Amino acid sequence: MTAAAAGGLRRPLFVLAAAAAVLVVLVEVGLPVLLLDGPPTRASPDAATALGVPEALLASSGSEVPQPPGAGIGFLAFIDGLLLFSVLMVGLSLLMPLRIYGRLQGIVTLVVSLLWILMCLLAGMAALATLMLMIGLFVSAPFGTLAYLAIWGSFSTGDAAVLLGLLLFLKVCFLVLLVLSQPRFLRVKGLMALAAVSVVLQLVLGFIHGFLPGPVVAIGDHFWAIVTAVVALVWALVMLVFSVPAIINAIRSSTAAGDA
């Protein structure tokens, strides 16, 4: 489907669209780390003692946690990474004969889908464990609540809003450049649906950051990170299923060519 849409492509605009998609993923994966004032912080032993919280509990919480803006923005990379992969597959179709591309597409999609499913599962389970710990501490007044507030109670919604605004701008640029490069991309339902899902997940994340009271924003952020991982997992499963017929067709074509 994507290979067909690549016909008559305005390549410079497509390259710019792909570059915007790359920047989206880099922002989601890299800038939250660059925003740190230093290495990940750990609650000090003095603070733990003052709160009456065992250090072993703080260690099990992964108290060596990133500073805000939290996990939600980083987990968007699971969706936008799939979108970037889809765009790169279109670019790959421009660099090689379509017959070779048709045989390669199914195998590459299968491998990437399997790796994506594994990453989503591992990241989702880790985020779920952290979320359960957050909630457990938050409702364990007074000392558990104080420990939660010491570790996760301060969420920089301002930094998160700046990043989300930048991401939205880049995604709009990506979609505009993609459609200008070839209007038939609008007919590629899977690609457009994935882009729409990406934007919706991001908008809801921004709403969570702005709507929830400050002390519980981190809980909402982690919850939506898990939702994002589940959505990406389901999408990767769909890609995995659709890669199987492509592989079968490639095998049949190779067999027919060999018999000829």
Protein backbone atom coordinates (compact mmCIF):
# COMPACT_ATOMS: atom_id res chain seq x y z
CA MET A 1 0.00 0.00 0.00
CA THR A 2 2.73 2.47 0.94
CA ALA A 3 4.79 1.51 -2.08
CA ALA A 4 1.87 2.31 -4.35
CA ALA A 5 1.40 5.66 -2.68
CA ALA A 6 5.03 6.51 -3.36
CA GLY A 7 4.41 6.88 -7.10
CA GLY A 8 4.81 10.48 -8.26
CA LEU A 9 6.33 11.47 -4.94
CA ARG A 10 7.88 14.91 -4.49
CA ARG A 11 11.01 13.59 -2.85
CA PRO A 12 12.38 16.78 -1.24
CA LEU A 13 9.09 17.33 0.60
CA PHE A 14 8.97 13.67 1.59
CA VAL A 15 12.51 13.88 2.99
CA LEU A 16 11.49 16.92 5.04
CA ALA A 17 8.43 15.04 6.32
CA ALA A 18 10.61 12.09 7.32
CA ALA A 19 13.03 14.47 9.05
CA ALA A 20 10.14 15.95 11.04
CA ALA A 21 9.09 12.43 12.09
CA VAL A 22 12.67 11.72 13.22
CA LEU A 23 12.72 14.94 15.25
CA VAL A 24 9.45 13.94 16.94
CA VAL A 25 10.95 10.68 18.16
CA LEU A 26 14.21 12.36 19.20
CA VAL A 27 12.32 14.96 21.22
CA GLU A 28 10.26 12.29 22.95
CA VAL A 29 13.24 10.09 23.75
CA GLY A 30 16.01 12.64 24.23
CA LEU A 31 14.80 16.00 25.52
CA PRO A 32 13.28 14.70 28.76
CA VAL A 33 16.80 13.55 29.63
CA LEU A 34 18.37 16.83 28.54
CA LEU A 35 15.97 18.72 30.81
CA LEU A 36 17.51 17.11 33.88
CA ASP A 37 19.60 19.42 36.01
CA GLY A 38 21.92 16.52 36.72
CA PRO A 39 21.90 12.76 37.09
CA PRO A 40 18.70 11.09 38.30
CA THR A 41 18.06 12.01 41.88
CA ARG A 42 17.58 9.74 44.83
CA ALA A 43 15.78 10.70 48.01
CA SER A 44 18.49 11.43 50.54
CA PRO A 45 18.94 9.10 53.53
CA ASP A 46 18.20 12.03 55.84
CA ALA A 47 14.88 12.66 54.10
CA ALA A 48 14.00 8.98 54.19
CA THR A 49 14.78 8.84 57.89
CA ALA A 50 12.79 11.97 58.60
CA LEU A 51 9.79 10.54 56.80
CA GLY A 52 10.09 7.23 58.56
CA VAL A 53 10.33 5.34 55.24
CA PRO A 54 12.73 2.39 55.00
CA GLU A 55 15.50 2.96 52.47
CA ALA A 56 14.80 -0.47 51.03
CA LEU A 57 11.31 0.69 50.07
CA LEU A 58 12.69 3.78 48.37
CA ALA A 59 15.21 1.66 46.51
CA SER A 60 12.50 -0.73 45.32
CA SER A 61 10.50 2.23 44.02
CA GLY A 62 13.25 3.07 41.59
CA SER A 63 13.68 6.25 43.61
CA GLU A 64 16.49 6.98 41.22
CA VAL A 65 13.87 8.35 38.86
CA PRO A 66 14.00 10.91 36.07
CA GLN A 67 12.94 14.44 36.92
CA PRO A 68 9.71 15.77 35.34
CA PRO A 69 8.17 15.87 32.77
CA GLY A 70 7.66 12.21 33.60
CA ALA A 71 7.07 9.06 31.57
CA GLY A 72 4.12 10.02 29.37
CA ILE A 73 6.08 12.01 26.80
CA GLY A 74 8.74 9.34 26.47
CA PHE A 75 6.15 6.61 25.95
CA LEU A 76 4.70 8.53 23.00
CA ALA A 77 7.81 7.33 21.16
CA PHE A 78 6.27 3.85 21.02
CA ILE A 79 3.52 5.19 18.76
CA ASP A 80 5.57 7.75 16.88
CA GLY A 81 8.34 5.22 16.37
CA LEU A 82 5.87 3.02 14.48
CA LEU A 83 4.81 6.05 12.45
CA LEU A 84 8.44 6.80 11.65
CA PHE A 85 8.99 3.16 10.67
CA SER A 86 6.05 3.31 8.25
CA VAL A 87 7.43 6.47 6.65
CA LEU A 88 10.93 5.00 6.37
CA MET A 89 9.49 1.94 4.64
CA VAL A 90 8.04 4.26 2.02
CA GLY A 91 11.46 5.89 1.66
CA LEU A 92 13.03 2.47 1.29
CA SER A 93 10.71 1.75 -1.63
CA LEU A 94 12.28 4.74 -3.41
CA LEU A 95 15.79 3.33 -3.10
CA MET A 96 15.32 -0.20 -4.42
CA PRO A 97 13.35 -2.06 -7.09
CA LEU A 98 9.76 -2.70 -6.09
CA ARG A 99 10.14 -6.46 -6.55
CA ILE A 100 12.95 -6.58 -3.99
CA TYR A 101 11.11 -4.16 -1.72
CA GLY A 102 7.99 -6.32 -1.80
CA ARG A 103 9.98 -9.33 -0.61
CA LEU A 104 11.82 -7.36 2.06
CA GLN A 105 8.87 -5.42 3.47
CA GLY A 106 7.14 -8.38 5.12
CA ILE A 107 10.30 -9.68 6.81
CA VAL A 108 11.37 -6.25 8.10
CA THR A 109 7.86 -5.52 9.38
CA LEU A 110 7.74 -8.90 11.12
CA VAL A 111 11.06 -8.33 12.91
CA VAL A 112 10.26 -4.75 13.91
CA SER A 113 6.79 -5.74 15.13
CA LEU A 114 8.17 -8.52 17.32
CA LEU A 115 10.79 -6.21 18.83
CA TRP A 116 8.17 -3.50 19.37
CA ILE A 117 5.82 -5.91 21.11
CA LEU A 118 8.61 -6.99 23.44
CA MET A 119 9.62 -3.40 24.24
CA CYS A 120 6.02 -2.34 24.86
CA LEU A 121 5.46 -5.29 27.19
CA LEU A 122 8.61 -4.64 29.21
CA ALA A 123 8.12 -0.88 29.42
CA GLY A 124 4.42 -1.24 30.19
CA MET A 125 5.05 -3.70 33.03
CA ALA A 126 7.76 -1.46 34.49
CA ALA A 127 5.45 1.56 34.33
CA LEU A 128 2.62 -0.46 35.90
CA ALA A 129 4.86 -1.52 38.79
CA THR A 130 5.88 2.10 39.35
CA LEU A 131 2.26 3.23 39.17
CA MET A 132 1.19 0.66 41.74
CA LEU A 133 3.98 1.83 44.03
CA MET A 134 2.96 5.46 43.56
CA ILE A 135 -0.66 4.75 44.45
CA GLY A 136 0.34 2.53 47.36
CA LEU A 137 2.52 5.23 48.86
CA PHE A 138 0.03 8.01 48.16
CA VAL A 139 -2.80 6.33 50.07
CA SER A 140 -0.57 5.20 52.94
CA ALA A 141 -0.92 8.31 55.07
CA PRO A 142 0.93 9.89 56.64
CA PHE A 143 4.43 8.56 56.00
CA GLY A 144 3.72 6.87 52.66
CA THR A 145 2.06 10.01 51.38
CA LEU A 146 4.99 12.12 52.51
CA ALA A 147 7.39 9.72 50.77
CA TYR A 148 5.35 9.93 47.58
CA LEU A 149 5.36 13.73 47.70
CA ALA A 150 9.13 13.76 48.31
CA ILE A 151 9.80 11.56 45.28
CA TRP A 152 7.02 12.32 42.75
CA GLY A 153 5.06 15.21 44.19
CA SER A 154 6.76 17.90 42.09
CA PHE A 155 5.89 17.63 38.38
CA SER A 156 7.11 20.35 36.02
CA THR A 157 3.95 20.89 33.98
CA GLY A 158 5.58 23.94 32.40
CA ASP A 159 8.42 21.92 30.87
CA ALA A 160 5.94 19.26 29.79
CA ALA A 161 3.71 21.85 28.11
CA VAL A 162 6.67 23.27 26.18
CA LEU A 163 7.66 19.81 24.95
CA LEU A 164 4.11 18.87 24.01
CA GLY A 165 3.71 22.14 22.11
CA LEU A 166 6.91 21.48 20.21
CA LEU A 167 5.82 17.93 19.44
CA LEU A 168 2.44 19.08 18.16
CA PHE A 169 4.12 21.63 15.89
CA LEU A 170 6.47 18.98 14.49
CA LYS A 171 3.61 16.54 13.91
CA VAL A 172 1.60 19.16 12.05
CA CYS A 173 4.66 19.93 9.91
CA PHE A 174 5.12 16.22 9.26
CA LEU A 175 1.52 15.73 8.12
CA VAL A 176 1.48 18.86 5.95
CA LEU A 177 4.77 18.00 4.26
CA LEU A 178 3.70 14.38 3.77
CA VAL A 179 0.45 15.35 2.07
CA LEU A 180 2.19 18.00 -0.05
CA SER A 181 4.75 15.43 -1.15
CA GLN A 182 1.98 13.12 -2.37
CA PRO A 183 -1.75 13.83 -1.77
CA ARG A 184 -2.49 10.12 -2.17
CA PHE A 185 -1.02 9.56 1.30
CA LEU A 186 -4.41 10.72 2.57
CA ARG A 187 -5.82 7.48 1.13
CA VAL A 188 -3.35 5.35 3.11
CA LYS A 189 -5.80 4.69 5.92
CA GLY A 190 -3.36 2.87 8.20
CA LEU A 191 -0.80 5.67 8.09
CA MET A 192 -3.39 8.41 8.61
CA ALA A 193 -5.05 6.48 11.44
CA LEU A 194 -1.70 6.00 13.19
CA ALA A 195 -0.94 9.73 12.87
CA ALA A 196 -4.38 10.56 14.30
CA VAL A 197 -3.87 8.17 17.22
CA SER A 198 -0.51 9.80 17.94
CA VAL A 199 -2.04 13.28 18.07
CA VAL A 200 -4.99 12.17 20.21
CA LEU A 201 -2.74 10.40 22.74
CA GLN A 202 -0.60 13.51 23.01
CA LEU A 203 -3.56 15.86 23.42
CA VAL A 204 -5.03 13.69 26.19
CA LEU A 205 -1.65 13.64 27.93
CA GLY A 206 -1.55 17.42 27.85
CA PHE A 207 -5.09 17.53 29.26
CA ILE A 208 -4.04 15.21 32.10
CA HIS A 209 -1.07 17.44 32.93
CA GLY A 210 -3.27 20.54 33.01
CA PHE A 211 -6.38 19.10 34.66
CA LEU A 212 -5.09 17.02 37.57
CA PRO A 213 -3.99 18.63 40.85
CA GLY A 214 -0.23 19.07 41.05
CA PRO A 215 0.57 16.30 43.57
CA VAL A 216 -1.14 13.58 41.49
CA VAL A 217 -0.05 14.66 38.00
CA ALA A 218 2.74 12.06 38.11
CA ILE A 219 0.17 9.31 38.74
CA GLY A 220 -1.97 10.43 35.81
CA ASP A 221 1.14 10.77 33.65
CA HIS A 222 2.23 7.20 34.42
CA PHE A 223 -1.28 5.87 33.86
CA TRP A 224 -1.42 7.45 30.41
CA ALA A 225 2.06 6.14 29.65
CA ILE A 226 0.70 2.63 30.25
CA VAL A 227 -2.30 3.34 28.00
CA THR A 228 0.09 4.55 25.28
CA ALA A 229 2.19 1.38 25.60
CA VAL A 230 -0.94 -0.78 25.28
CA VAL A 231 -2.09 1.10 22.17
CA ALA A 232 1.36 0.73 20.61
CA LEU A 233 1.37 -2.97 21.53
CA VAL A 234 -1.98 -3.54 19.81
CA TRP A 235 -0.82 -1.63 16.74
CA ALA A 236 2.38 -3.67 16.58
CA LEU A 237 0.31 -6.87 16.81
CA VAL A 238 -1.80 -5.69 13.86
CA MET A 239 1.36 -4.96 11.88
CA LEU A 240 2.67 -8.41 12.78
CA VAL A 241 -0.50 -10.08 11.50
CA PHE A 242 -0.47 -8.13 8.24
CA SER A 243 3.20 -8.93 7.66
CA VAL A 244 2.49 -12.66 7.42
CA PRO A 245 0.64 -12.56 4.05
CA ALA A 246 3.42 -10.40 2.61
CA ILE A 247 6.00 -12.98 3.66
CA ILE A 248 3.92 -15.82 2.21
CA ASN A 249 3.55 -13.96 -1.10
CA ALA A 250 7.30 -13.31 -1.17
CA ILE A 251 8.01 -17.01 -0.61
CA ARG A 252 5.59 -18.00 -3.35
CA SER A 253 7.13 -15.50 -5.76
CA SER A 254 10.63 -16.80 -4.99
CA THR A 255 9.46 -20.39 -5.48
CA ALA A 256 7.77 -19.55 -8.78
CA ALA A 257 10.89 -17.73 -9.99
CA GLY A 258 13.02 -20.72 -9.03
CA ASP A 259 10.76 -23.14 -10.89
CA ALA A 260 10.85 -20.93 -13.96
